[in-house]
Amino acid sequence: MSTTHEDPSPAATGSDSPSAEFSFTTTPNLLTMLRMALVPVVVALLYQRTPTADLAAALVFGAASITDYFDGYLARVQKSVSVYGKLMDPLADKFLVVSSLIMLQEIGRLHAVVVMVLVCRELAITGLRALASAEGVILSASPSAKWKTATQMVAIPFMMAKDPLFGIPIYPIGQVLLAISIALSVGSAVAYVVEFFKKLKLIRAIGRKLKGQRSG
């Protein structure tokens, strides 16, 4: 998942106009909107329950995943950071992944418990990031979280296509990759929680020290 739109300041956008951060029709934002628009396409194709539609769903999912890389890349190159991008980019990722996981469970290729674990992990981290932001704590993406995303983005379309492709048993490979993704999801979630409390304690300690210096 993309971690681009980080600094909403005019300087970061490469524009002297404060209104730049409220620009909606930037290329990264349009790519993000495209990713959102492809979600119902993936769902509709999986509902067909045919090998051809399954393969098409996997290809559409792959195309949607690629837009995640390019919107982040363009946001960095063009310095086109916007408030809309900061909101929509992570939402688009979650819409795509969560909808796909639910559909894989619906068509019998994924156990409901697996879906619950992955969805609850995403909800927990979203809540943690919101709390961290309110407390002034910045949680950087860990290597394990990046690998989790990478394995997940490959596992899901492999499980959608299901049938062997060019003699390659992609469905079993997808199952293995998803199992790895689950382990990385849990591990990275624990790492985020530990990092949050470490940084929060440090911030509180610095705050108490500064308060003591002012009062003295």
N, C-alpha and C. Protein backbone atom coordinates (compact mmCIF):
# COMPACT_ATOMS: atom_id res chain seq x y z
N MET A 1 0.83 -1.15 0.00
CA MET A 1 0.00 0.00 0.00
C MET A 1 0.88 1.23 0.00
N SER A 2 0.38 2.27 -0.69
CA SER A 2 1.23 3.44 -0.88
C SER A 2 1.37 4.24 0.38
N THR A 3 2.55 4.81 0.58
CA THR A 3 2.81 5.64 1.75
C THR A 3 3.33 6.99 1.30
N THR A 4 2.80 7.50 0.18
CA THR A 4 3.30 8.72 -0.38
C THR A 4 2.73 9.94 0.32
N HIS A 5 1.66 10.49 -0.07
CA HIS A 5 1.14 11.77 0.35
C HIS A 5 1.44 12.09 1.82
N GLU A 6 2.65 12.50 2.12
CA GLU A 6 3.05 12.65 3.51
C GLU A 6 3.00 14.08 4.02
N ASP A 7 3.34 15.05 3.19
CA ASP A 7 3.46 16.41 3.66
C ASP A 7 2.50 17.30 2.90
N PRO A 8 1.43 17.78 3.56
CA PRO A 8 0.43 18.57 2.87
C PRO A 8 0.80 20.02 2.71
N SER A 9 2.00 20.43 3.11
CA SER A 9 2.40 21.83 3.03
C SER A 9 2.57 22.27 1.60
N PRO A 10 2.39 23.57 1.29
CA PRO A 10 2.56 24.06 -0.06
C PRO A 10 3.94 23.77 -0.61
N ALA A 11 4.96 23.82 0.25
CA ALA A 11 6.32 23.56 -0.21
C ALA A 11 6.46 22.15 -0.74
N ALA A 12 5.80 21.22 -0.05
CA ALA A 12 5.91 19.81 -0.47
C ALA A 12 5.19 19.55 -1.77
N THR A 13 4.19 20.36 -2.08
CA THR A 13 3.44 20.15 -3.31
C THR A 13 4.14 20.74 -4.51
N GLY A 14 5.18 21.50 -4.28
CA GLY A 14 5.89 22.12 -5.37
C GLY A 14 5.16 23.34 -5.90
N SER A 15 4.23 23.86 -5.14
CA SER A 15 3.45 25.03 -5.56
C SER A 15 3.46 26.06 -4.46
N ASP A 16 3.44 27.34 -4.87
CA ASP A 16 3.41 28.42 -3.89
C ASP A 16 1.99 28.70 -3.43
N SER A 17 1.01 28.08 -4.10
CA SER A 17 -0.38 28.33 -3.77
C SER A 17 -0.89 27.31 -2.75
N PRO A 18 -1.41 27.82 -1.61
CA PRO A 18 -1.96 26.89 -0.61
C PRO A 18 -3.11 26.05 -1.16
N SER A 19 -3.75 26.53 -2.24
CA SER A 19 -4.88 25.79 -2.80
C SER A 19 -4.43 24.50 -3.49
N ALA A 20 -3.11 24.37 -3.75
CA ALA A 20 -2.61 23.17 -4.43
C ALA A 20 -2.91 21.91 -3.64
N GLU A 21 -2.89 22.02 -2.30
CA GLU A 21 -3.15 20.83 -1.50
C GLU A 21 -4.61 20.41 -1.55
N PHE A 22 -5.48 21.27 -2.08
CA PHE A 22 -6.89 20.92 -2.23
C PHE A 22 -7.26 20.62 -3.67
N SER A 23 -6.24 20.46 -4.52
CA SER A 23 -6.48 20.10 -5.91
C SER A 23 -6.91 18.63 -6.00
N PHE A 24 -7.99 18.39 -6.71
CA PHE A 24 -8.53 17.03 -6.80
C PHE A 24 -8.09 16.31 -8.07
N THR A 25 -8.03 17.04 -9.17
CA THR A 25 -7.78 16.40 -10.47
C THR A 25 -6.29 16.30 -10.80
N THR A 26 -5.48 15.86 -9.84
CA THR A 26 -4.08 15.58 -10.13
C THR A 26 -3.99 14.17 -10.70
N THR A 27 -2.91 13.89 -11.40
CA THR A 27 -2.75 12.55 -11.98
C THR A 27 -2.75 11.45 -10.92
N PRO A 28 -2.01 11.61 -9.80
CA PRO A 28 -2.08 10.57 -8.75
C PRO A 28 -3.49 10.34 -8.22
N ASN A 29 -4.25 11.43 -8.04
CA ASN A 29 -5.62 11.27 -7.55
C ASN A 29 -6.51 10.55 -8.55
N LEU A 30 -6.32 10.85 -9.84
CA LEU A 30 -7.11 10.19 -10.87
C LEU A 30 -6.79 8.69 -10.93
N LEU A 31 -5.52 8.33 -10.73
CA LEU A 31 -5.15 6.92 -10.69
C LEU A 31 -5.77 6.23 -9.48
N THR A 32 -5.80 6.95 -8.37
CA THR A 32 -6.43 6.40 -7.16
C THR A 32 -7.92 6.17 -7.39
N MET A 33 -8.57 7.13 -8.05
CA MET A 33 -10.00 6.98 -8.35
C MET A 33 -10.22 5.80 -9.31
N LEU A 34 -9.29 5.61 -10.24
CA LEU A 34 -9.39 4.46 -11.14
C LEU A 34 -9.32 3.16 -10.36
N ARG A 35 -8.43 3.11 -9.37
CA ARG A 35 -8.30 1.91 -8.53
C ARG A 35 -9.61 1.63 -7.80
N MET A 36 -10.25 2.67 -7.30
CA MET A 36 -11.54 2.50 -6.64
C MET A 36 -12.60 2.00 -7.62
N ALA A 37 -12.58 2.55 -8.84
CA ALA A 37 -13.58 2.18 -9.85
C ALA A 37 -13.42 0.73 -10.29
N LEU A 38 -12.21 0.18 -10.18
CA LEU A 38 -11.97 -1.20 -10.60
C LEU A 38 -12.44 -2.22 -9.56
N VAL A 39 -12.69 -1.77 -8.34
CA VAL A 39 -13.13 -2.70 -7.29
C VAL A 39 -14.44 -3.40 -7.66
N PRO A 40 -15.50 -2.67 -8.02
CA PRO A 40 -16.74 -3.39 -8.40
C PRO A 40 -16.58 -4.25 -9.64
N VAL A 41 -15.61 -3.90 -10.51
CA VAL A 41 -15.36 -4.73 -11.69
C VAL A 41 -14.82 -6.10 -11.26
N VAL A 42 -13.87 -6.09 -10.32
CA VAL A 42 -13.32 -7.34 -9.79
C VAL A 42 -14.42 -8.18 -9.14
N VAL A 43 -15.24 -7.53 -8.34
CA VAL A 43 -16.33 -8.24 -7.64
C VAL A 43 -17.30 -8.85 -8.65
N ALA A 44 -17.69 -8.07 -9.65
CA ALA A 44 -18.65 -8.55 -10.65
C ALA A 44 -18.10 -9.74 -11.44
N LEU A 45 -16.81 -9.68 -11.77
CA LEU A 45 -16.21 -10.78 -12.51
C LEU A 45 -16.16 -12.06 -11.68
N LEU A 46 -15.80 -11.94 -10.40
CA LEU A 46 -15.74 -13.11 -9.53
C LEU A 46 -17.12 -13.73 -9.33
N TYR A 47 -18.17 -12.89 -9.37
CA TYR A 47 -19.53 -13.40 -9.21
C TYR A 47 -19.94 -14.30 -10.39
N GLN A 48 -19.23 -14.16 -11.52
CA GLN A 48 -19.57 -14.99 -12.68
C GLN A 48 -19.23 -16.46 -12.44
N ARG A 49 -18.21 -16.70 -11.61
CA ARG A 49 -17.81 -18.06 -11.24
C ARG A 49 -17.46 -18.93 -12.46
N THR A 50 -16.75 -18.35 -13.40
CA THR A 50 -16.26 -19.10 -14.56
C THR A 50 -14.75 -18.91 -14.65
N PRO A 51 -14.03 -19.90 -15.21
CA PRO A 51 -12.57 -19.77 -15.32
C PRO A 51 -12.13 -18.51 -16.06
N THR A 52 -12.85 -18.16 -17.13
CA THR A 52 -12.49 -16.97 -17.90
C THR A 52 -12.68 -15.70 -17.08
N ALA A 53 -13.81 -15.62 -16.39
CA ALA A 53 -14.08 -14.44 -15.56
C ALA A 53 -13.11 -14.37 -14.38
N ASP A 54 -12.76 -15.52 -13.82
CA ASP A 54 -11.79 -15.56 -12.72
C ASP A 54 -10.44 -14.99 -13.16
N LEU A 55 -10.00 -15.42 -14.35
CA LEU A 55 -8.73 -14.93 -14.87
C LEU A 55 -8.80 -13.43 -15.15
N ALA A 56 -9.94 -12.98 -15.68
CA ALA A 56 -10.12 -11.56 -15.95
C ALA A 56 -10.09 -10.76 -14.64
N ALA A 57 -10.72 -11.30 -13.58
CA ALA A 57 -10.71 -10.63 -12.28
C ALA A 57 -9.29 -10.51 -11.74
N ALA A 58 -8.50 -11.56 -11.92
CA ALA A 58 -7.11 -11.54 -11.47
C ALA A 58 -6.32 -10.48 -12.22
N LEU A 59 -6.54 -10.37 -13.52
CA LEU A 59 -5.84 -9.38 -14.33
C LEU A 59 -6.25 -7.95 -13.95
N VAL A 60 -7.55 -7.75 -13.71
CA VAL A 60 -8.03 -6.42 -13.30
C VAL A 60 -7.47 -6.06 -11.93
N PHE A 61 -7.45 -7.03 -11.02
CA PHE A 61 -6.86 -6.79 -9.70
C PHE A 61 -5.40 -6.40 -9.84
N GLY A 62 -4.67 -7.11 -10.71
CA GLY A 62 -3.27 -6.78 -10.93
C GLY A 62 -3.09 -5.38 -11.47
N ALA A 63 -3.94 -4.99 -12.43
CA ALA A 63 -3.87 -3.64 -12.99
C ALA A 63 -4.16 -2.59 -11.93
N ALA A 64 -5.15 -2.87 -11.08
CA ALA A 64 -5.49 -1.94 -10.00
C ALA A 64 -4.33 -1.80 -9.01
N SER A 65 -3.68 -2.92 -8.72
CA SER A 65 -2.53 -2.89 -7.80
C SER A 65 -1.39 -2.06 -8.36
N ILE A 66 -1.19 -2.15 -9.68
CA ILE A 66 -0.11 -1.40 -10.32
C ILE A 66 -0.36 0.10 -10.22
N THR A 67 -1.63 0.53 -10.28
CA THR A 67 -1.92 1.96 -10.15
C THR A 67 -1.49 2.49 -8.79
N ASP A 68 -1.45 1.62 -7.79
CA ASP A 68 -1.01 2.03 -6.45
C ASP A 68 0.45 2.46 -6.49
N TYR A 69 1.27 1.72 -7.25
CA TYR A 69 2.68 2.09 -7.37
C TYR A 69 2.83 3.40 -8.14
N PHE A 70 2.10 3.52 -9.26
CA PHE A 70 2.29 4.68 -10.11
C PHE A 70 1.74 5.96 -9.49
N ASP A 71 0.64 5.88 -8.73
CA ASP A 71 0.15 7.12 -8.12
C ASP A 71 1.13 7.61 -7.06
N GLY A 72 1.78 6.67 -6.36
CA GLY A 72 2.79 7.07 -5.40
C GLY A 72 4.03 7.64 -6.07
N TYR A 73 4.44 7.00 -7.16
CA TYR A 73 5.62 7.46 -7.90
C TYR A 73 5.38 8.86 -8.47
N LEU A 74 4.22 9.07 -9.08
CA LEU A 74 3.92 10.37 -9.67
C LEU A 74 3.77 11.46 -8.61
N ALA A 75 3.21 11.07 -7.46
CA ALA A 75 3.06 12.05 -6.38
C ALA A 75 4.43 12.54 -5.91
N ARG A 76 5.43 11.62 -5.88
CA ARG A 76 6.77 12.03 -5.47
C ARG A 76 7.45 12.86 -6.55
N VAL A 77 7.32 12.42 -7.80
CA VAL A 77 7.99 13.12 -8.91
C VAL A 77 7.38 14.50 -9.14
N GLN A 78 6.06 14.57 -9.17
CA GLN A 78 5.37 15.82 -9.44
C GLN A 78 5.18 16.67 -8.19
N LYS A 79 5.47 16.08 -7.04
CA LYS A 79 5.25 16.75 -5.75
C LYS A 79 3.80 17.25 -5.66
N SER A 80 2.90 16.41 -6.15
CA SER A 80 1.48 16.77 -6.18
C SER A 80 0.76 16.15 -4.99
N VAL A 81 1.12 16.59 -3.81
CA VAL A 81 0.47 16.10 -2.59
C VAL A 81 -0.83 16.86 -2.38
N SER A 82 -1.89 16.16 -2.02
CA SER A 82 -3.17 16.82 -1.77
C SER A 82 -3.87 16.15 -0.60
N VAL A 83 -4.78 16.88 -0.02
CA VAL A 83 -5.58 16.33 1.09
C VAL A 83 -6.43 15.17 0.59
N TYR A 84 -6.96 15.31 -0.62
CA TYR A 84 -7.79 14.25 -1.19
C TYR A 84 -6.97 12.97 -1.38
N GLY A 85 -5.73 13.13 -1.84
CA GLY A 85 -4.87 11.97 -2.05
C GLY A 85 -4.56 11.26 -0.75
N LYS A 86 -4.30 12.04 0.29
CA LYS A 86 -3.98 11.45 1.59
C LYS A 86 -5.17 10.66 2.13
N LEU A 87 -6.38 11.09 1.78
CA LEU A 87 -7.58 10.38 2.23
C LEU A 87 -7.86 9.16 1.35
N MET A 88 -7.84 9.37 0.04
CA MET A 88 -8.32 8.34 -0.88
C MET A 88 -7.33 7.20 -1.09
N ASP A 89 -6.03 7.49 -1.10
CA ASP A 89 -5.05 6.46 -1.43
C ASP A 89 -5.13 5.25 -0.50
N PRO A 90 -5.06 5.44 0.83
CA PRO A 90 -5.19 4.25 1.70
C PRO A 90 -6.56 3.61 1.65
N LEU A 91 -7.61 4.43 1.43
CA LEU A 91 -8.96 3.86 1.33
C LEU A 91 -9.09 2.98 0.09
N ALA A 92 -8.52 3.43 -1.02
CA ALA A 92 -8.59 2.65 -2.26
C ALA A 92 -7.92 1.30 -2.08
N ASP A 93 -6.77 1.29 -1.41
CA ASP A 93 -6.07 0.04 -1.15
C ASP A 93 -6.93 -0.92 -0.35
N LYS A 94 -7.53 -0.39 0.71
CA LYS A 94 -8.33 -1.24 1.59
C LYS A 94 -9.60 -1.71 0.90
N PHE A 95 -10.23 -0.84 0.12
CA PHE A 95 -11.43 -1.25 -0.63
C PHE A 95 -11.09 -2.43 -1.54
N LEU A 96 -9.97 -2.32 -2.25
CA LEU A 96 -9.58 -3.36 -3.20
C LEU A 96 -9.28 -4.68 -2.51
N VAL A 97 -8.46 -4.63 -1.47
CA VAL A 97 -8.03 -5.85 -0.79
C VAL A 97 -9.18 -6.50 -0.02
N VAL A 98 -9.89 -5.71 0.77
CA VAL A 98 -10.96 -6.26 1.60
C VAL A 98 -12.08 -6.83 0.74
N SER A 99 -12.47 -6.12 -0.31
CA SER A 99 -13.53 -6.62 -1.20
C SER A 99 -13.10 -7.93 -1.86
N SER A 100 -11.85 -8.00 -2.27
CA SER A 100 -11.35 -9.22 -2.93
C SER A 100 -11.30 -10.39 -1.95
N LEU A 101 -10.86 -10.14 -0.73
CA LEU A 101 -10.81 -11.20 0.27
C LEU A 101 -12.21 -11.75 0.57
N ILE A 102 -13.17 -10.85 0.70
CA ILE A 102 -14.55 -11.27 0.98
C ILE A 102 -15.11 -12.10 -0.18
N MET A 103 -14.80 -11.68 -1.41
CA MET A 103 -15.28 -12.43 -2.56
C MET A 103 -14.61 -13.81 -2.67
N LEU A 104 -13.34 -13.89 -2.33
CA LEU A 104 -12.65 -15.19 -2.34
C LEU A 104 -13.28 -16.13 -1.31
N GLN A 105 -13.71 -15.57 -0.20
CA GLN A 105 -14.41 -16.38 0.80
C GLN A 105 -15.79 -16.79 0.28
N GLU A 106 -16.45 -15.87 -0.40
CA GLU A 106 -17.79 -16.12 -0.94
C GLU A 106 -17.78 -17.26 -1.95
N ILE A 107 -16.74 -17.32 -2.78
CA ILE A 107 -16.70 -18.37 -3.81
C ILE A 107 -15.96 -19.62 -3.33
N GLY A 108 -15.68 -19.68 -2.03
CA GLY A 108 -15.15 -20.90 -1.43
C GLY A 108 -13.67 -21.14 -1.59
N ARG A 109 -12.89 -20.10 -1.83
CA ARG A 109 -11.45 -20.29 -2.01
C ARG A 109 -10.64 -19.78 -0.81
N LEU A 110 -11.31 -19.26 0.16
CA LEU A 110 -10.64 -18.71 1.32
C LEU A 110 -11.51 -18.92 2.55
N HIS A 111 -10.91 -19.37 3.65
CA HIS A 111 -11.68 -19.61 4.87
C HIS A 111 -12.07 -18.28 5.50
N ALA A 112 -13.26 -18.24 6.08
CA ALA A 112 -13.77 -17.01 6.69
C ALA A 112 -12.85 -16.50 7.80
N VAL A 113 -12.22 -17.42 8.54
CA VAL A 113 -11.32 -17.01 9.63
C VAL A 113 -10.13 -16.21 9.09
N VAL A 114 -9.63 -16.63 7.94
CA VAL A 114 -8.51 -15.91 7.33
C VAL A 114 -8.92 -14.49 6.98
N VAL A 115 -10.12 -14.35 6.41
CA VAL A 115 -10.62 -13.03 6.05
C VAL A 115 -10.77 -12.17 7.30
N MET A 116 -11.32 -12.75 8.36
CA MET A 116 -11.51 -11.99 9.60
C MET A 116 -10.19 -11.52 10.18
N VAL A 117 -9.18 -12.38 10.17
CA VAL A 117 -7.88 -12.01 10.71
C VAL A 117 -7.29 -10.84 9.93
N LEU A 118 -7.31 -10.94 8.60
CA LEU A 118 -6.71 -9.90 7.78
C LEU A 118 -7.48 -8.58 7.86
N VAL A 119 -8.81 -8.66 7.84
CA VAL A 119 -9.62 -7.44 7.92
C VAL A 119 -9.48 -6.78 9.29
N CYS A 120 -9.53 -7.59 10.35
CA CYS A 120 -9.38 -7.03 11.70
C CYS A 120 -8.01 -6.40 11.89
N ARG A 121 -6.98 -6.99 11.27
CA ARG A 121 -5.63 -6.41 11.35
C ARG A 121 -5.63 -5.03 10.73
N GLU A 122 -6.26 -4.90 9.55
CA GLU A 122 -6.30 -3.61 8.87
C GLU A 122 -7.06 -2.58 9.69
N LEU A 123 -8.18 -3.00 10.28
CA LEU A 123 -8.95 -2.07 11.12
C LEU A 123 -8.14 -1.62 12.34
N ALA A 124 -7.43 -2.58 12.94
CA ALA A 124 -6.62 -2.26 14.13
C ALA A 124 -5.51 -1.26 13.80
N ILE A 125 -4.82 -1.49 12.68
CA ILE A 125 -3.73 -0.59 12.31
C ILE A 125 -4.26 0.78 11.91
N THR A 126 -5.41 0.81 11.25
CA THR A 126 -6.02 2.10 10.91
C THR A 126 -6.35 2.89 12.17
N GLY A 127 -6.92 2.20 13.16
CA GLY A 127 -7.21 2.86 14.43
C GLY A 127 -5.96 3.31 15.15
N LEU A 128 -4.92 2.49 15.11
CA LEU A 128 -3.66 2.83 15.76
C LEU A 128 -3.03 4.05 15.11
N ARG A 129 -3.07 4.11 13.77
CA ARG A 129 -2.50 5.25 13.06
C ARG A 129 -3.26 6.53 13.38
N ALA A 130 -4.58 6.43 13.52
CA ALA A 130 -5.38 7.59 13.89
C ALA A 130 -5.00 8.08 15.28
N LEU A 131 -4.84 7.16 16.21
CA LEU A 131 -4.43 7.52 17.57
C LEU A 131 -3.03 8.10 17.57
N ALA A 132 -2.13 7.49 16.79
CA ALA A 132 -0.76 7.98 16.72
C ALA A 132 -0.72 9.41 16.18
N SER A 133 -1.52 9.67 15.16
CA SER A 133 -1.58 11.01 14.58
C SER A 133 -2.06 12.03 15.61
N ALA A 134 -3.07 11.65 16.38
CA ALA A 134 -3.60 12.54 17.41
C ALA A 134 -2.57 12.81 18.50
N GLU A 135 -1.69 11.85 18.75
CA GLU A 135 -0.67 11.99 19.79
C GLU A 135 0.64 12.56 19.25
N GLY A 136 0.68 12.84 17.96
CA GLY A 136 1.90 13.39 17.37
C GLY A 136 2.98 12.36 17.14
N VAL A 137 2.58 11.09 17.03
CA VAL A 137 3.53 10.00 16.80
C VAL A 137 3.50 9.60 15.33
N ILE A 138 4.66 9.51 14.70
CA ILE A 138 4.75 9.08 13.31
C ILE A 138 5.17 7.62 13.26
N LEU A 139 4.33 6.80 12.65
CA LEU A 139 4.62 5.37 12.50
C LEU A 139 5.09 5.10 11.07
N SER A 140 6.35 4.78 10.93
CA SER A 140 6.89 4.50 9.61
C SER A 140 6.56 3.07 9.21
N ALA A 141 6.43 2.86 7.90
CA ALA A 141 6.14 1.51 7.39
C ALA A 141 7.34 0.61 7.60
N SER A 142 7.13 -0.50 8.29
CA SER A 142 8.22 -1.43 8.56
C SER A 142 8.48 -2.32 7.35
N PRO A 143 9.68 -2.90 7.24
CA PRO A 143 9.96 -3.82 6.12
C PRO A 143 8.99 -4.98 6.07
N SER A 144 8.61 -5.50 7.24
CA SER A 144 7.68 -6.64 7.26
C SER A 144 6.30 -6.24 6.73
N ALA A 145 5.90 -5.00 7.00
CA ALA A 145 4.61 -4.52 6.50
C ALA A 145 4.65 -4.38 4.98
N LYS A 146 5.78 -3.94 4.44
CA LYS A 146 5.92 -3.82 2.99
C LYS A 146 5.90 -5.20 2.33
N TRP A 147 6.57 -6.16 2.96
CA TRP A 147 6.56 -7.52 2.42
C TRP A 147 5.17 -8.13 2.53
N LYS A 148 4.45 -7.78 3.58
CA LYS A 148 3.07 -8.25 3.74
C LYS A 148 2.23 -7.79 2.57
N THR A 149 2.36 -6.52 2.24
CA THR A 149 1.60 -5.97 1.12
C THR A 149 1.98 -6.64 -0.19
N ALA A 150 3.28 -6.83 -0.41
CA ALA A 150 3.76 -7.43 -1.65
C ALA A 150 3.24 -8.86 -1.82
N THR A 151 3.36 -9.67 -0.78
CA THR A 151 2.90 -11.06 -0.87
C THR A 151 1.39 -11.13 -1.03
N GLN A 152 0.69 -10.23 -0.37
CA GLN A 152 -0.77 -10.21 -0.45
C GLN A 152 -1.24 -9.84 -1.86
N MET A 153 -0.56 -8.86 -2.47
CA MET A 153 -0.96 -8.40 -3.79
C MET A 153 -0.67 -9.43 -4.89
N VAL A 154 0.21 -10.38 -4.61
CA VAL A 154 0.46 -11.47 -5.55
C VAL A 154 -0.46 -12.66 -5.24
N ALA A 155 -0.65 -12.94 -3.94
CA ALA A 155 -1.45 -14.09 -3.53
C ALA A 155 -2.90 -13.97 -3.97
N ILE A 156 -3.48 -12.79 -3.82
CA ILE A 156 -4.91 -12.62 -4.11
C ILE A 156 -5.26 -12.92 -5.57
N PRO A 157 -4.58 -12.32 -6.55
CA PRO A 157 -4.93 -12.66 -7.94
C PRO A 157 -4.61 -14.11 -8.30
N PHE A 158 -3.59 -14.70 -7.68
CA PHE A 158 -3.30 -16.11 -7.92
C PHE A 158 -4.46 -16.98 -7.46
N MET A 159 -5.07 -16.60 -6.34
CA MET A 159 -6.19 -17.38 -5.82
C MET A 159 -7.47 -17.10 -6.60
N MET A 160 -7.52 -15.94 -7.24
CA MET A 160 -8.68 -15.63 -8.09
C MET A 160 -8.66 -16.49 -9.34
N ALA A 161 -7.50 -16.54 -10.02
CA ALA A 161 -7.38 -17.27 -11.28
C ALA A 161 -7.58 -18.77 -11.07
N LYS A 162 -7.03 -19.30 -9.99
CA LYS A 162 -7.19 -20.69 -9.54
C LYS A 162 -6.61 -21.74 -10.48
N ASP A 163 -7.11 -21.83 -11.69
CA ASP A 163 -6.65 -22.88 -12.61
C ASP A 163 -5.19 -22.67 -12.99
N PRO A 164 -4.46 -23.77 -13.21
CA PRO A 164 -3.05 -23.66 -13.61
C PRO A 164 -2.90 -22.79 -14.86
N LEU A 165 -1.85 -21.98 -14.88
CA LEU A 165 -1.60 -21.09 -15.99
C LEU A 165 -0.23 -21.43 -16.58
N PHE A 166 -0.22 -21.84 -17.86
CA PHE A 166 1.01 -22.28 -18.52
C PHE A 166 1.70 -23.40 -17.72
N GLY A 167 0.86 -24.26 -17.12
CA GLY A 167 1.38 -25.38 -16.34
C GLY A 167 1.81 -25.03 -14.94
N ILE A 168 1.66 -23.75 -14.55
CA ILE A 168 2.08 -23.30 -13.21
C ILE A 168 0.88 -23.39 -12.26
N PRO A 169 1.01 -24.12 -11.14
CA PRO A 169 -0.11 -24.25 -10.18
C PRO A 169 -0.25 -22.97 -9.34
N ILE A 170 -0.87 -21.96 -9.93
CA ILE A 170 -0.88 -20.65 -9.28
C ILE A 170 -1.74 -20.61 -8.01
N TYR A 171 -2.81 -21.42 -7.96
CA TYR A 171 -3.66 -21.39 -6.76
C TYR A 171 -2.91 -21.87 -5.51
N PRO A 172 -2.21 -23.03 -5.55
CA PRO A 172 -1.42 -23.43 -4.37
C PRO A 172 -0.33 -22.41 -4.02
N ILE A 173 0.27 -21.81 -5.05
CA ILE A 173 1.29 -20.78 -4.78
C ILE A 173 0.64 -19.60 -4.07
N GLY A 174 -0.56 -19.24 -4.52
CA GLY A 174 -1.29 -18.15 -3.86
C GLY A 174 -1.60 -18.46 -2.41
N GLN A 175 -1.97 -19.72 -2.13
CA GLN A 175 -2.25 -20.12 -0.76
C GLN A 175 -1.02 -19.98 0.14
N VAL A 176 0.12 -20.39 -0.39
CA VAL A 176 1.37 -20.29 0.38
C VAL A 176 1.72 -18.82 0.63
N LEU A 177 1.60 -18.01 -0.41
CA LEU A 177 1.92 -16.59 -0.27
C LEU A 177 0.98 -15.90 0.71
N LEU A 178 -0.30 -16.30 0.68
CA LEU A 178 -1.25 -15.68 1.61
C LEU A 178 -0.94 -16.09 3.04
N ALA A 179 -0.52 -17.35 3.24
CA ALA A 179 -0.13 -17.79 4.58
C ALA A 179 1.05 -16.97 5.09
N ILE A 180 2.01 -16.70 4.19
CA ILE A 180 3.16 -15.87 4.56
C ILE A 180 2.68 -14.46 4.88
N SER A 181 1.72 -13.97 4.08
CA SER A 181 1.17 -12.63 4.30
C SER A 181 0.48 -12.52 5.66
N ILE A 182 -0.22 -13.58 6.07
CA ILE A 182 -0.89 -13.57 7.37
C ILE A 182 0.13 -13.47 8.50
N ALA A 183 1.20 -14.27 8.40
CA ALA A 183 2.24 -14.22 9.43
C ALA A 183 2.88 -12.84 9.49
N LEU A 184 3.14 -12.25 8.32
CA LEU A 184 3.74 -10.92 8.27
C LEU A 184 2.75 -9.86 8.78
N SER A 185 1.47 -10.06 8.52
CA SER A 185 0.45 -9.12 8.98
C SER A 185 0.42 -9.05 10.51
N VAL A 186 0.40 -10.22 11.13
CA VAL A 186 0.37 -10.27 12.59
C VAL A 186 1.67 -9.72 13.17
N GLY A 187 2.80 -10.14 12.59
CA GLY A 187 4.08 -9.67 13.08
C GLY A 187 4.26 -8.17 12.95
N SER A 188 3.88 -7.61 11.81
CA SER A 188 4.02 -6.17 11.61
C SER A 188 3.06 -5.39 12.49
N ALA A 189 1.87 -5.96 12.76
CA ALA A 189 0.92 -5.29 13.65
C ALA A 189 1.49 -5.18 15.06
N VAL A 190 2.09 -6.25 15.54
CA VAL A 190 2.73 -6.22 16.86
C VAL A 190 3.86 -5.20 16.88
N ALA A 191 4.63 -5.14 15.79
CA ALA A 191 5.75 -4.19 15.70
C ALA A 191 5.24 -2.76 15.73
N TYR A 192 4.11 -2.49 15.06
CA TYR A 192 3.53 -1.15 15.07
C TYR A 192 3.11 -0.74 16.48
N VAL A 193 2.48 -1.66 17.19
CA VAL A 193 2.03 -1.36 18.55
C VAL A 193 3.22 -1.06 19.46
N VAL A 194 4.25 -1.87 19.38
CA VAL A 194 5.46 -1.66 20.19
C VAL A 194 6.09 -0.32 19.85
N GLU A 195 6.21 -0.04 18.55
CA GLU A 195 6.81 1.23 18.11
C GLU A 195 6.01 2.42 18.61
N PHE A 196 4.66 2.30 18.55
CA PHE A 196 3.80 3.39 18.98
C PHE A 196 4.03 3.73 20.46
N PHE A 197 4.01 2.71 21.31
CA PHE A 197 4.16 2.98 22.73
C PHE A 197 5.56 3.46 23.10
N LYS A 198 6.57 2.98 22.39
CA LYS A 198 7.93 3.47 22.63
C LYS A 198 8.03 4.95 22.31
N LYS A 199 7.52 5.33 21.15
CA LYS A 199 7.59 6.73 20.73
C LYS A 199 6.70 7.62 21.60
N LEU A 200 5.53 7.10 21.99
CA LEU A 200 4.63 7.89 22.83
C LEU A 200 5.27 8.16 24.19
N LYS A 201 5.91 7.13 24.78
CA LYS A 201 6.58 7.32 26.06
C LYS A 201 7.70 8.33 25.95
N LEU A 202 8.43 8.29 24.82
CA LEU A 202 9.52 9.24 24.61
C LEU A 202 8.99 10.66 24.49
N ILE A 203 7.91 10.83 23.74
CA ILE A 203 7.31 12.15 23.58
C ILE A 203 6.80 12.69 24.91
N ARG A 204 6.17 11.83 25.70
CA ARG A 204 5.66 12.26 27.01
C ARG A 204 6.82 12.62 27.94
N ALA A 205 7.90 11.85 27.88
CA ALA A 205 9.06 12.14 28.73
C ALA A 205 9.69 13.47 28.36
N ILE A 206 9.81 13.74 27.06
CA ILE A 206 10.36 15.03 26.61
C ILE A 206 9.44 16.17 27.02
N GLY A 207 8.12 15.93 26.91
CA GLY A 207 7.16 16.95 27.31
C GLY A 207 7.27 17.28 28.78
N ARG A 208 7.42 16.26 29.64
CA ARG A 208 7.56 16.50 31.08
C ARG A 208 8.86 17.25 31.39
N LYS A 209 9.92 16.89 30.67
CA LYS A 209 11.21 17.54 30.88
C LYS A 209 11.14 19.02 30.51
N LEU A 210 10.53 19.32 29.38
CA LEU A 210 10.40 20.71 28.95
C LEU A 210 9.51 21.51 29.90
N LYS A 211 8.45 20.86 30.38
CA LYS A 211 7.56 21.52 31.32
C LYS A 211 8.29 21.85 32.62
N GLY A 212 9.13 20.90 33.06
CA GLY A 212 9.91 21.13 34.28
C GLY A 212 10.90 22.25 34.10
N GLN A 213 11.52 22.35 32.92
CA GLN A 213 12.48 23.42 32.66
C GLN A 213 11.80 24.79 32.64
N ARG A 214 10.59 24.85 32.07
CA ARG A 214 9.87 26.12 32.02
C ARG A 214 9.43 26.55 33.41
N SER A 215 8.96 25.58 34.19
CA SER A 215 8.50 25.91 35.54
C SER A 215 9.66 26.29 36.46
N GLY A 216 10.88 25.75 36.14
CA GLY A 216 12.05 26.06 36.95
C GLY A 216 12.67 27.40 36.60
